[in-house]
Amino acid sequence: MTRPRDTRMPLAQAQALIDAHGFASLVDDSLQASHLPLVLARDEGDLGTLYGHFARANPHWQGLEGRRVLAIFQGPHSYVSPRWYAARPAVPTWNHATVHAGGTLERLDDDATLTALDALVAKYEPELLDEPDIMSPAYRQRLLKGVVGFRIRLDELQGKAKLGLNRSREDQAGVLAGLADSADPLARQLGRYTERYAKTLIETESENDH
């Protein structure tokens, strides 16, 4: 992934994007791809470890043990109009936030797979873990026959935040206003993300100065 210096995402922000946008495109070295929800365990390894599972009926999992894979996480993104800039001339562009996470895939045993499944449920709807009529222990055991759990110990984590933060304050303000006024919910989401991201960078720089 091409990352000009001003778009390179700090590690904490890259991990935060994975937490917020955990549905990934998982690509192997033969360019086969599956689209899966993944959960990041930040405390496992320097960059973290991803956990997920394939449906056993998906042949993609076969032969992946010990092979390198790349998980691509797409954050907010949107078209940006040149009309939103104070500076002229200008061209249209597409702002976005993306993370590439690479590592070696390892199959999980049944116990670890159940733990990974519970972590996924706990992230999105933790109350289900306390409702045995929906997810009984016996039912969870039967689920194992239909899934293949895995983890990816990350050795590469690259985040890119192409958000126009290298432009003037006037241009940035114009883009934020344009995104906020858009009828596209993804554009409005990108605007909110850009504001939070810029604020976090300023706070981080301030902490580093002290």
Protein backbone atom coordinates (compact mmCIF):
# COMPACT_ATOMS: atom_id res chain seq x y z
CA MET A 1 0.00 0.00 0.00
CA THR A 2 1.41 3.37 -1.01
CA ARG A 3 1.58 5.64 2.03
CA PRO A 4 2.90 9.18 1.66
CA ARG A 5 4.41 10.33 4.96
CA ASP A 6 1.49 12.58 5.88
CA THR A 7 -0.99 9.70 5.54
CA ARG A 8 0.84 7.13 7.71
CA MET A 9 -1.34 6.06 10.60
CA PRO A 10 0.14 5.60 14.10
CA LEU A 11 -0.10 2.06 15.47
CA ALA A 12 -2.78 2.95 18.03
CA GLN A 13 -4.98 4.49 15.32
CA ALA A 14 -4.51 1.50 13.01
CA GLN A 15 -5.57 -0.85 15.82
CA ALA A 16 -8.52 1.40 16.64
CA LEU A 17 -9.71 1.23 13.03
CA ILE A 18 -9.63 -2.57 13.15
CA ASP A 19 -11.68 -2.48 16.36
CA ALA A 20 -14.25 -0.17 14.77
CA HIS A 21 -14.36 -1.75 11.30
CA GLY A 22 -13.63 -5.42 11.89
CA PHE A 23 -15.11 -6.86 8.69
CA ALA A 24 -12.05 -7.67 6.58
CA SER A 25 -11.07 -8.94 3.16
CA LEU A 26 -8.67 -11.82 3.85
CA VAL A 27 -6.33 -12.48 0.91
CA ASP A 28 -3.74 -15.26 0.60
CA ASP A 29 -0.59 -15.46 -1.50
CA SER A 30 -2.50 -17.00 -4.41
CA LEU A 31 -4.90 -14.01 -4.42
CA GLN A 32 -7.91 -15.97 -3.18
CA ALA A 33 -10.05 -13.83 -0.88
CA SER A 34 -12.74 -14.29 1.76
CA HIS A 35 -14.69 -11.62 3.61
CA LEU A 36 -14.80 -12.25 7.34
CA PRO A 37 -15.27 -10.52 10.70
CA LEU A 38 -12.02 -10.52 12.68
CA VAL A 39 -11.23 -9.59 16.28
CA LEU A 40 -7.91 -8.04 17.30
CA ALA A 41 -6.20 -9.12 20.53
CA ARG A 42 -3.88 -6.14 21.07
CA ASP A 43 -1.97 -7.73 23.96
CA GLU A 44 -0.75 -10.71 21.92
CA GLY A 45 2.48 -9.75 20.16
CA ASP A 46 3.98 -6.38 19.33
CA LEU A 47 1.31 -5.57 16.76
CA GLY A 48 -1.50 -7.78 18.02
CA THR A 49 -3.12 -11.03 16.87
CA LEU A 50 -6.26 -11.41 14.76
CA TYR A 51 -8.82 -14.13 15.47
CA GLY A 52 -11.54 -15.37 13.16
CA HIS A 53 -13.16 -18.38 11.53
CA PHE A 54 -14.12 -19.72 8.14
CA ALA A 55 -17.31 -21.57 7.39
CA ARG A 56 -16.07 -25.14 6.86
CA ALA A 57 -17.96 -25.18 3.54
CA ASN A 58 -15.69 -22.38 2.31
CA PRO A 59 -12.73 -24.15 0.64
CA HIS A 60 -10.47 -21.16 1.15
CA TRP A 61 -9.28 -22.40 4.56
CA GLN A 62 -7.83 -25.58 3.10
CA GLY A 63 -4.07 -25.39 2.79
CA LEU A 64 -3.73 -22.01 4.52
CA GLU A 65 -1.98 -23.36 7.63
CA GLY A 66 1.43 -21.71 7.89
CA ARG A 67 0.92 -19.41 4.89
CA ARG A 68 1.08 -15.64 4.84
CA VAL A 69 -2.19 -13.79 4.51
CA LEU A 70 -3.23 -10.15 4.35
CA ALA A 71 -6.33 -8.78 6.08
CA ILE A 72 -7.60 -5.50 4.60
CA PHE A 73 -9.82 -3.33 6.78
CA GLN A 74 -11.71 -0.52 5.08
CA GLY A 75 -12.68 2.42 7.26
CA PRO A 76 -14.81 5.42 6.28
CA HIS A 77 -14.36 6.73 2.72
CA SER A 78 -16.01 9.21 0.41
CA TYR A 79 -15.75 11.35 -2.69
CA VAL A 80 -14.39 14.85 -2.04
CA SER A 81 -15.46 17.68 -4.37
CA PRO A 82 -12.97 20.37 -5.45
CA ARG A 83 -15.77 22.90 -4.80
CA TRP A 84 -15.19 22.35 -1.09
CA TYR A 85 -11.65 23.76 -1.20
CA ALA A 86 -10.79 27.40 -0.65
CA ALA A 87 -7.71 27.04 -2.89
CA ARG A 88 -8.24 26.90 -6.66
CA PRO A 89 -7.63 25.23 -9.05
CA ALA A 90 -8.31 21.79 -7.53
CA VAL A 91 -9.35 18.30 -8.60
CA PRO A 92 -11.79 15.74 -7.17
CA THR A 93 -10.35 13.08 -4.89
CA TRP A 94 -11.42 10.22 -2.64
CA ASN A 95 -10.54 10.39 1.04
CA HIS A 96 -10.32 7.17 3.03
CA ALA A 97 -8.86 5.30 5.98
CA THR A 98 -7.53 1.78 5.43
CA VAL A 99 -5.43 -0.77 7.34
CA HIS A 100 -3.42 -3.69 5.95
CA ALA A 101 -2.57 -6.39 8.51
CA GLY A 102 -0.25 -9.22 7.51
CA GLY A 103 0.98 -12.38 9.18
CA THR A 104 1.00 -16.17 9.17
CA LEU A 105 -2.27 -18.04 9.58
CA GLU A 106 -2.53 -20.77 12.22
CA ARG A 107 -5.43 -23.16 12.69
CA LEU A 108 -7.05 -23.29 16.15
CA ASP A 109 -8.12 -26.35 18.10
CA ASP A 110 -11.74 -26.70 19.25
CA ASP A 111 -11.27 -24.98 22.61
CA ALA A 112 -9.46 -22.01 21.10
CA THR A 113 -12.05 -21.79 18.32
CA LEU A 114 -14.87 -21.58 20.88
CA THR A 115 -12.96 -18.87 22.73
CA ALA A 116 -12.55 -16.93 19.47
CA LEU A 117 -16.25 -17.32 18.67
CA ASP A 118 -17.15 -16.04 22.14
CA ALA A 119 -14.83 -13.05 21.66
CA LEU A 120 -16.59 -12.20 18.41
CA VAL A 121 -20.04 -12.41 20.02
CA ALA A 122 -18.82 -10.46 23.06
CA LYS A 123 -17.69 -7.64 20.78
CA TYR A 124 -20.98 -7.21 18.92
CA GLU A 125 -23.72 -8.57 21.22
CA PRO A 126 -22.33 -9.72 24.59
CA GLU A 127 -25.81 -10.32 26.03
CA LEU A 128 -26.13 -13.41 23.83
CA LEU A 129 -23.51 -15.19 25.92
CA ASP A 130 -25.93 -15.06 28.86
CA GLU A 131 -28.92 -16.41 26.91
CA PRO A 132 -28.61 -20.21 26.88
CA ASP A 133 -31.90 -20.62 25.00
CA ILE A 134 -30.22 -18.92 22.02
CA MET A 135 -26.62 -20.11 22.44
CA SER A 136 -26.66 -23.17 24.64
CA PRO A 137 -23.40 -25.04 25.38
CA ALA A 138 -24.63 -27.99 23.33
CA TYR A 139 -25.45 -25.75 20.38
CA ARG A 140 -22.03 -24.07 20.58
CA GLN A 141 -20.37 -27.47 20.46
CA ARG A 142 -22.36 -28.35 17.35
CA LEU A 143 -21.19 -25.12 15.74
CA LEU A 144 -17.66 -26.45 15.77
CA LYS A 145 -18.55 -28.96 13.07
CA GLY A 146 -19.32 -26.10 10.69
CA VAL A 147 -16.43 -23.71 11.27
CA VAL A 148 -12.64 -23.60 11.11
CA GLY A 149 -11.04 -21.23 13.62
CA PHE A 150 -7.75 -19.47 13.02
CA ARG A 151 -5.45 -16.74 14.28
CA ILE A 152 -2.97 -14.48 12.53
CA ARG A 153 0.03 -13.34 14.55
CA LEU A 154 0.70 -9.97 12.96
CA ASP A 155 4.18 -9.09 11.76
CA GLU A 156 3.00 -6.20 9.61
CA LEU A 157 0.42 -3.51 10.34
CA GLN A 158 0.13 -0.50 8.04
CA GLY A 159 -2.56 2.12 8.32
CA LYS A 160 -3.27 4.88 5.80
CA ALA A 161 -5.36 7.95 6.60
CA LYS A 162 -5.80 9.96 3.39
CA LEU A 163 -7.91 12.67 4.96
CA GLY A 164 -6.53 15.88 3.48
CA LEU A 165 -4.86 16.90 6.74
CA ASN A 166 -1.89 18.22 4.74
CA ARG A 167 -4.10 20.95 3.25
CA SER A 168 -4.73 24.41 4.66
CA ARG A 169 -7.13 24.90 7.56
CA GLU A 170 -9.54 26.61 5.18
CA ASP A 171 -9.51 23.63 2.82
CA GLN A 172 -9.94 21.19 5.71
CA ALA A 173 -12.88 23.18 7.07
CA GLY A 174 -14.49 23.24 3.63
CA VAL A 175 -14.17 19.47 3.25
CA LEU A 176 -15.63 18.84 6.69
CA ALA A 177 -18.56 21.11 5.89
CA GLY A 178 -19.13 19.38 2.55
CA LEU A 179 -19.04 15.93 4.11
CA ALA A 180 -21.39 16.99 6.90
CA ASP A 181 -23.92 18.32 4.36
CA SER A 182 -23.77 15.22 2.15
CA ALA A 183 -26.79 12.97 1.72
CA ASP A 184 -24.44 9.97 1.76
CA PRO A 185 -24.15 8.47 5.28
CA LEU A 186 -20.64 7.21 4.44
CA ALA A 187 -19.55 10.78 3.68
CA ARG A 188 -20.92 12.02 6.99
CA GLN A 189 -19.20 9.13 8.77
CA LEU A 190 -15.91 10.09 7.09
CA GLY A 191 -16.34 13.65 8.29
CA ARG A 192 -16.82 12.57 11.89
CA TYR A 193 -13.87 10.18 11.63
CA THR A 194 -11.63 12.91 10.18
CA GLU A 195 -12.45 15.26 13.06
CA ARG A 196 -11.74 12.57 15.68
CA TYR A 197 -8.56 11.45 13.95
CA ALA A 198 -7.17 14.99 13.68
CA LYS A 199 -8.01 15.67 17.33
CA THR A 200 -6.25 12.48 18.42
CA LEU A 201 -3.12 13.41 16.46
CA ILE A 202 -3.03 16.85 18.08
CA GLU A 203 -3.46 15.35 21.55
CA THR A 204 -0.73 12.76 20.90
CA GLU A 205 1.70 15.41 19.67
CA SER A 206 0.92 17.53 22.73
CA GLU A 207 1.61 14.60 25.08
CA ASN A 208 4.91 13.87 23.30
CA ASP A 209 6.01 17.48 23.78
CA HIS A 210 5.70 17.18 27.56
